[in-house]
Protein backbone atom coordinates (compact mmCIF):
# COMPACT_ATOMS: atom_id res chain seq x y z
CA MET A 1 11.55 27.12 -29.65
CA LYS A 2 9.25 29.73 -30.49
CA ASN A 3 10.06 32.62 -32.79
CA LEU A 4 9.64 35.24 -30.09
CA ARG A 5 10.56 38.17 -32.74
CA ALA A 6 7.72 37.40 -35.18
CA GLU A 7 5.26 36.92 -32.30
CA SER A 8 6.24 40.51 -30.87
CA THR A 9 5.90 41.94 -34.38
CA LEU A 10 2.73 40.32 -34.87
CA ALA A 11 1.56 41.50 -31.53
CA ARG A 12 2.61 45.08 -32.38
CA ARG A 13 0.84 44.92 -35.88
CA LEU A 14 -2.38 43.90 -34.06
CA LYS A 15 -2.38 46.66 -31.69
CA GLY A 16 -5.40 48.38 -31.21
CA ASP A 17 -7.38 45.49 -32.40
CA PRO A 18 -9.35 44.44 -29.48
CA ALA A 19 -10.33 41.14 -30.81
CA ALA A 20 -6.94 40.50 -31.97
CA GLU A 21 -5.57 41.30 -28.47
CA GLU A 22 -8.07 39.03 -26.84
CA VAL A 23 -6.94 36.05 -29.17
CA LEU A 24 -3.45 36.65 -28.15
CA ALA A 25 -4.18 37.11 -24.52
CA ILE A 26 -6.10 33.52 -24.91
CA ARG A 27 -3.22 32.06 -26.80
CA ALA A 28 -0.85 33.15 -24.28
CA TRP A 29 -2.97 31.67 -21.47
CA ALA A 30 -3.30 28.49 -23.29
CA GLU A 31 0.42 28.07 -23.56
CA GLU A 32 0.52 28.73 -19.98
CA LEU A 33 -2.05 25.94 -19.42
CA MET A 34 -0.18 23.43 -21.58
CA ALA A 35 3.03 23.90 -19.51
CA LEU A 36 0.83 23.27 -16.33
CA CYS A 37 -0.70 20.30 -17.83
CA ASP A 38 2.86 18.80 -18.74
CA TYR A 39 4.13 19.38 -15.50
CA TRP A 40 1.10 17.77 -13.65
CA LEU A 41 1.41 14.67 -16.32
CA ALA A 42 5.03 14.54 -15.49
CA GLY A 43 4.20 14.60 -11.50
CA ARG A 44 1.64 11.93 -11.91
CA GLU A 45 3.95 9.56 -13.84
CA ARG A 46 6.69 9.90 -11.15
CA LEU A 47 3.75 9.29 -8.57
CA ARG A 48 2.82 5.93 -10.29
CA GLU A 49 6.44 4.98 -10.37
CA ALA A 50 6.60 5.60 -6.80
CA GLN A 51 3.70 3.75 -6.10
CA ALA A 52 4.66 0.47 -8.13
CA GLU A 53 8.01 0.52 -6.14
CA VAL A 54 6.24 0.68 -2.79
CA ALA A 55 3.99 -2.05 -3.70
CA GLN A 56 6.92 -4.06 -5.26
CA ALA A 57 8.73 -3.61 -2.01
CA ARG A 58 5.79 -4.75 0.03
CA GLU A 59 5.54 -7.81 -1.79
CA TYR A 60 9.13 -8.63 -1.60
CA ARG A 61 9.00 -8.10 2.31
CA ALA A 62 5.63 -10.28 2.25
CA GLU A 63 7.54 -13.08 0.19
CA THR A 64 10.66 -12.78 2.64
CA GLU A 65 8.50 -13.31 5.42
CA LEU A 66 6.54 -16.13 4.24
CA SER A 67 10.21 -17.93 3.41
CA ARG A 68 11.21 -17.20 6.75
CA GLY A 69 8.12 -18.93 8.03
CA GLY A 70 7.33 -15.69 9.85
CA ARG A 71 3.62 -13.96 9.59
CA HIS A 72 2.77 -11.70 6.93
CA ALA A 73 1.92 -8.41 8.42
CA SER A 74 0.05 -6.07 5.85
């Protein structure tokens, strides 16, 4: 976990320095973006897992139909 006290102390020390305040704002935005990326990537992984499960179930149904002598419906 981040050291929030140190960050707030740093922000107080740099208050009034427009360039430093801009860099701190960019850093905060970058941290938020990084969290969003992690969230998106985790969702993408869950989607891929669900797609693999659907494909596996489809293949199982097709094999079952073929073993019963039925027609394979896509």
